């Protein structure tokens, strides 16, 4: 995480659907620092 993201928050790009085990997740990447986050998809 960069200082810009730490102070202003990450800028999350459009995500891609991935599967972790049996869970479908949305993987998003910050366009500024490259950090990843995984969000559960709505049932």
PDB file of N, CA and C in Angstrom:
ATOM      1  N   UNK A   1       0.847  -1.174   0.000  1.00  0.00           N
ATOM      2  CA  UNK A   1       0.000   0.000   0.000  1.00  0.00           C
ATOM      3  C   UNK A   1       0.891   1.235   0.000  1.00  0.00           C
ATOM      4  N   UNK A   2       0.574   2.171  -0.851  1.00  0.00           N
ATOM      5  CA  UNK A   2       1.343   3.408  -0.920  1.00  0.00           C
ATOM      6  C   UNK A   2       0.790   4.425   0.073  1.00  0.00           C
ATOM      7  N   UNK A   3       1.548   5.471   0.324  1.00  0.00           N
ATOM      8  CA  UNK A   3       1.099   6.528   1.228  1.00  0.00           C
ATOM      9  C   UNK A   3      -0.178   7.179   0.705  1.00  0.00           C
ATOM     10  N   UNK A   4      -0.276   7.349  -0.605  1.00  0.00           N
ATOM     11  CA  UNK A   4      -1.479   7.931  -1.208  1.00  0.00           C
ATOM     12  C   UNK A   4      -2.710   7.082  -0.898  1.00  0.00           C
ATOM     13  N   UNK A   5      -2.579   5.782  -0.999  1.00  0.00           N
ATOM     14  CA  UNK A   5      -3.703   4.890  -0.695  1.00  0.00           C
ATOM     15  C   UNK A   5      -3.988   4.865   0.803  1.00  0.00           C
ATOM     16  N   UNK A   6      -2.953   4.935   1.615  1.00  0.00           N
ATOM     17  CA  UNK A   6      -3.142   4.945   3.058  1.00  0.00           C
ATOM     18  C   UNK A   6      -3.937   6.169   3.494  1.00  0.00           C
ATOM     19  N   UNK A   7      -3.633   7.320   2.913  1.00  0.00           N
ATOM     20  CA  UNK A   7      -4.314   8.560   3.293  1.00  0.00           C
ATOM     21  C   UNK A   7      -5.664   8.730   2.601  1.00  0.00           C
ATOM     22  N   UNK A   8      -5.735   8.401   1.316  1.00  0.00           N
ATOM     23  CA  UNK A   8      -6.943   8.667   0.550  1.00  0.00           C
ATOM     24  C   UNK A   8      -7.793   7.455   0.236  1.00  0.00           C
ATOM     25  N   UNK A   9      -7.300   6.279   0.552  1.00  0.00           N
ATOM     26  CA  UNK A   9      -8.041   5.061   0.235  1.00  0.00           C
ATOM     27  C   UNK A   9      -7.664   4.535  -1.141  1.00  0.00           C
ATOM     28  N   UNK A  10      -7.827   3.248  -1.298  1.00  0.00           N
ATOM     29  CA  UNK A  10      -7.491   2.612  -2.569  1.00  0.00           C
ATOM     30  C   UNK A  10      -8.534   2.942  -3.628  1.00  0.00           C
ATOM     31  N   UNK A  11      -8.114   2.850  -4.869  1.00  0.00           N
ATOM     32  CA  UNK A  11      -8.994   3.046  -6.021  1.00  0.00           C
ATOM     33  C   UNK A  11      -9.198   1.671  -6.656  1.00  0.00           C
ATOM     34  N   UNK A  12     -10.307   1.006  -6.309  1.00  0.00           N
ATOM     35  CA  UNK A  12     -10.531  -0.371  -6.721  1.00  0.00           C
ATOM     36  C   UNK A  12     -11.031  -0.448  -8.152  1.00  0.00           C
ATOM     37  N   UNK A  13     -10.367  -1.267  -8.951  1.00  0.00           N
ATOM     38  CA  UNK A  13     -10.741  -1.481 -10.350  1.00  0.00           C
ATOM     39  C   UNK A  13     -11.866  -2.516 -10.408  1.00  0.00           C
ATOM     40  N   UNK A  14     -12.465  -2.641 -11.576  1.00  0.00           N
ATOM     41  CA  UNK A  14     -13.505  -3.645 -11.780  1.00  0.00           C
ATOM     42  C   UNK A  14     -12.925  -5.024 -11.492  1.00  0.00           C
ATOM     43  N   UNK A  15     -13.669  -5.837 -10.761  1.00  0.00           N
ATOM     44  CA  UNK A  15     -13.157  -7.122 -10.320  1.00  0.00           C
ATOM     45  C   UNK A  15     -13.430  -8.257 -11.284  1.00  0.00           C
ATOM     46  N   UNK A  16     -12.783  -9.374 -10.993  1.00  0.00           N
ATOM     47  CA  UNK A  16     -13.011 -10.605 -11.736  1.00  0.00           C
ATOM     48  C   UNK A  16     -13.499 -11.663 -10.765  1.00  0.00           C
ATOM     49  N   UNK A  17     -14.336 -12.555 -11.254  1.00  0.00           N
ATOM     50  CA  UNK A  17     -14.883 -13.606 -10.402  1.00  0.00           C
ATOM     51  C   UNK A  17     -13.876 -14.741 -10.280  1.00  0.00           C
ATOM     52  N   UNK A  18     -13.607 -15.151  -9.043  1.00  0.00           N
ATOM     53  CA  UNK A  18     -12.709 -16.270  -8.774  1.00  0.00           C
ATOM     54  C   UNK A  18     -13.413 -17.228  -7.822  1.00  0.00           C
ATOM     55  N   UNK A  19     -12.938 -18.458  -7.766  1.00  0.00           N
ATOM     56  CA  UNK A  19     -13.502 -19.451  -6.860  1.00  0.00           C
ATOM     57  C   UNK A  19     -12.435 -19.867  -5.861  1.00  0.00           C
ATOM     58  N   UNK A  20     -12.779 -19.784  -4.588  1.00  0.00           N
ATOM     59  CA  UNK A  20     -11.890 -20.231  -3.513  1.00  0.00           C
ATOM     60  C   UNK A  20     -12.606 -21.354  -2.780  1.00  0.00           C
ATOM     61  N   UNK A  21     -12.140 -22.562  -3.014  1.00  0.00           N
ATOM     62  CA  UNK A  21     -12.863 -23.702  -2.462  1.00  0.00           C
ATOM     63  C   UNK A  21     -14.201 -23.817  -3.170  1.00  0.00           C
ATOM     64  N   UNK A  22     -15.291 -23.703  -2.403  1.00  0.00           N
ATOM     65  CA  UNK A  22     -16.629 -23.723  -3.003  1.00  0.00           C
ATOM     66  C   UNK A  22     -17.268 -22.348  -3.009  1.00  0.00           C
ATOM     67  N   UNK A  23     -16.520 -21.325  -2.612  1.00  0.00           N
ATOM     68  CA  UNK A  23     -17.047 -19.963  -2.527  1.00  0.00           C
ATOM     69  C   UNK A  23     -16.690 -19.156  -3.771  1.00  0.00           C
ATOM     70  N   UNK A  24     -17.693 -18.501  -4.339  1.00  0.00           N
ATOM     71  CA  UNK A  24     -17.458 -17.581  -5.456  1.00  0.00           C
ATOM     72  C   UNK A  24     -17.138 -16.209  -4.865  1.00  0.00           C
ATOM     73  N   UNK A  25     -16.018 -15.639  -5.272  1.00  0.00           N
ATOM     74  CA  UNK A  25     -15.571 -14.352  -4.736  1.00  0.00           C
ATOM     75  C   UNK A  25     -15.294 -13.389  -5.885  1.00  0.00           C
ATOM     76  N   UNK A  26     -15.332 -12.098  -5.560  1.00  0.00           N
ATOM     77  CA  UNK A  26     -14.965 -11.052  -6.505  1.00  0.00           C
ATOM     78  C   UNK A  26     -13.590 -10.545  -6.096  1.00  0.00           C
ATOM     79  N   UNK A  27     -12.621 -10.642  -6.995  1.00  0.00           N
ATOM     80  CA  UNK A  27     -11.259 -10.179  -6.727  1.00  0.00           C
ATOM     81  C   UNK A  27     -11.077  -8.814  -7.375  1.00  0.00           C
ATOM     82  N   UNK A  28     -10.740  -7.809  -6.561  1.00  0.00           N
ATOM     83  CA  UNK A  28     -10.490  -6.468  -7.068  1.00  0.00           C
ATOM     84  C   UNK A  28      -9.054  -6.078  -6.747  1.00  0.00           C
ATOM     85  N   UNK A  29      -8.448  -5.294  -7.645  1.00  0.00           N
ATOM     86  CA  UNK A  29      -7.066  -4.842  -7.492  1.00  0.00           C
ATOM     87  C   UNK A  29      -7.057  -3.321  -7.486  1.00  0.00           C
ATOM     88  N   UNK A  30      -6.283  -2.732  -6.567  1.00  0.00           N
ATOM     89  CA  UNK A  30      -6.152  -1.279  -6.518  1.00  0.00           C
ATOM     90  C   UNK A  30      -5.321  -0.824  -7.716  1.00  0.00           C
ATOM     91  N   UNK A  31      -5.833   0.174  -8.431  1.00  0.00           N
ATOM     92  CA  UNK A  31      -5.121   0.651  -9.619  1.00  0.00           C
ATOM     93  C   UNK A  31      -3.908   1.506  -9.266  1.00  0.00           C
ATOM     94  N   UNK A  32      -3.778   1.917  -8.011  1.00  0.00           N
ATOM     95  CA  UNK A  32      -2.634   2.737  -7.604  1.00  0.00           C
ATOM     96  C   UNK A  32      -1.510   1.915  -6.988  1.00  0.00           C
ATOM     97  N   UNK A  33      -1.849   0.995  -6.062  1.00  0.00           N
ATOM     98  CA  UNK A  33      -0.781   0.298  -5.330  1.00  0.00           C
ATOM     99  C   UNK A  33      -0.711  -1.205  -5.606  1.00  0.00           C
ATOM    100  N   UNK A  34      -1.721  -1.770  -6.259  1.00  0.00           N
ATOM    101  CA  UNK A  34      -1.683  -3.187  -6.599  1.00  0.00           C
ATOM    102  C   UNK A  34      -2.204  -4.117  -5.521  1.00  0.00           C
ATOM    103  N   UNK A  35      -2.739  -3.574  -4.420  1.00  0.00           N
ATOM    104  CA  UNK A  35      -3.294  -4.413  -3.359  1.00  0.00           C
ATOM    105  C   UNK A  35      -4.528  -5.151  -3.876  1.00  0.00           C
ATOM    106  N   UNK A  36      -4.773  -6.350  -3.345  1.00  0.00           N
ATOM    107  CA  UNK A  36      -5.938  -7.151  -3.740  1.00  0.00           C
ATOM    108  C   UNK A  36      -6.922  -7.233  -2.589  1.00  0.00           C
ATOM    109  N   UNK A  37      -8.215  -7.303  -2.935  1.00  0.00           N
ATOM    110  CA  UNK A  37      -9.230  -7.599  -1.928  1.00  0.00           C
ATOM    111  C   UNK A  37     -10.217  -8.576  -2.538  1.00  0.00           C
ATOM    112  N   UNK A  38     -10.755  -9.433  -1.675  1.00  0.00           N
ATOM    113  CA  UNK A  38     -11.698 -10.453  -2.097  1.00  0.00           C
ATOM    114  C   UNK A  38     -13.015 -10.214  -1.379  1.00  0.00           C
ATOM    115  N   UNK A  39     -14.092 -10.098  -2.162  1.00  0.00           N
ATOM    116  CA  UNK A  39     -15.417  -9.854  -1.615  1.00  0.00           C
ATOM    117  C   UNK A  39     -16.329 -11.013  -1.986  1.00  0.00           C
ATOM    118  N   UNK A  40     -17.191 -11.456  -1.053  1.00  0.00           N
ATOM    119  CA  UNK A  40     -18.127 -12.529  -1.403  1.00  0.00           C
ATOM    120  C   UNK A  40     -19.162 -12.018  -2.405  1.00  0.00           C
ATOM    121  N   UNK A  41     -19.518 -12.864  -3.352  1.00  0.00           N
ATOM    122  CA  UNK A  41     -20.561 -12.502  -4.304  1.00  0.00           C
ATOM    123  C   UNK A  41     -21.918 -12.676  -3.636  1.00  0.00           C
ATOM    124  N   UNK A  42     -22.874 -11.857  -4.018  1.00  0.00           N
ATOM    125  CA  UNK A  42     -24.221 -11.941  -3.446  1.00  0.00           C
ATOM    126  C   UNK A  42     -24.843 -13.289  -3.810  1.00  0.00           C
ATOM    127  N   UNK A  43     -25.557 -13.894  -2.861  1.00  0.00           N
ATOM    128  CA  UNK A  43     -26.167 -15.211  -3.142  1.00  0.00           C
ATOM    129  C   UNK A  43     -27.290 -15.137  -4.151  1.00  0.00           C
TER     130      UNK A  43
END
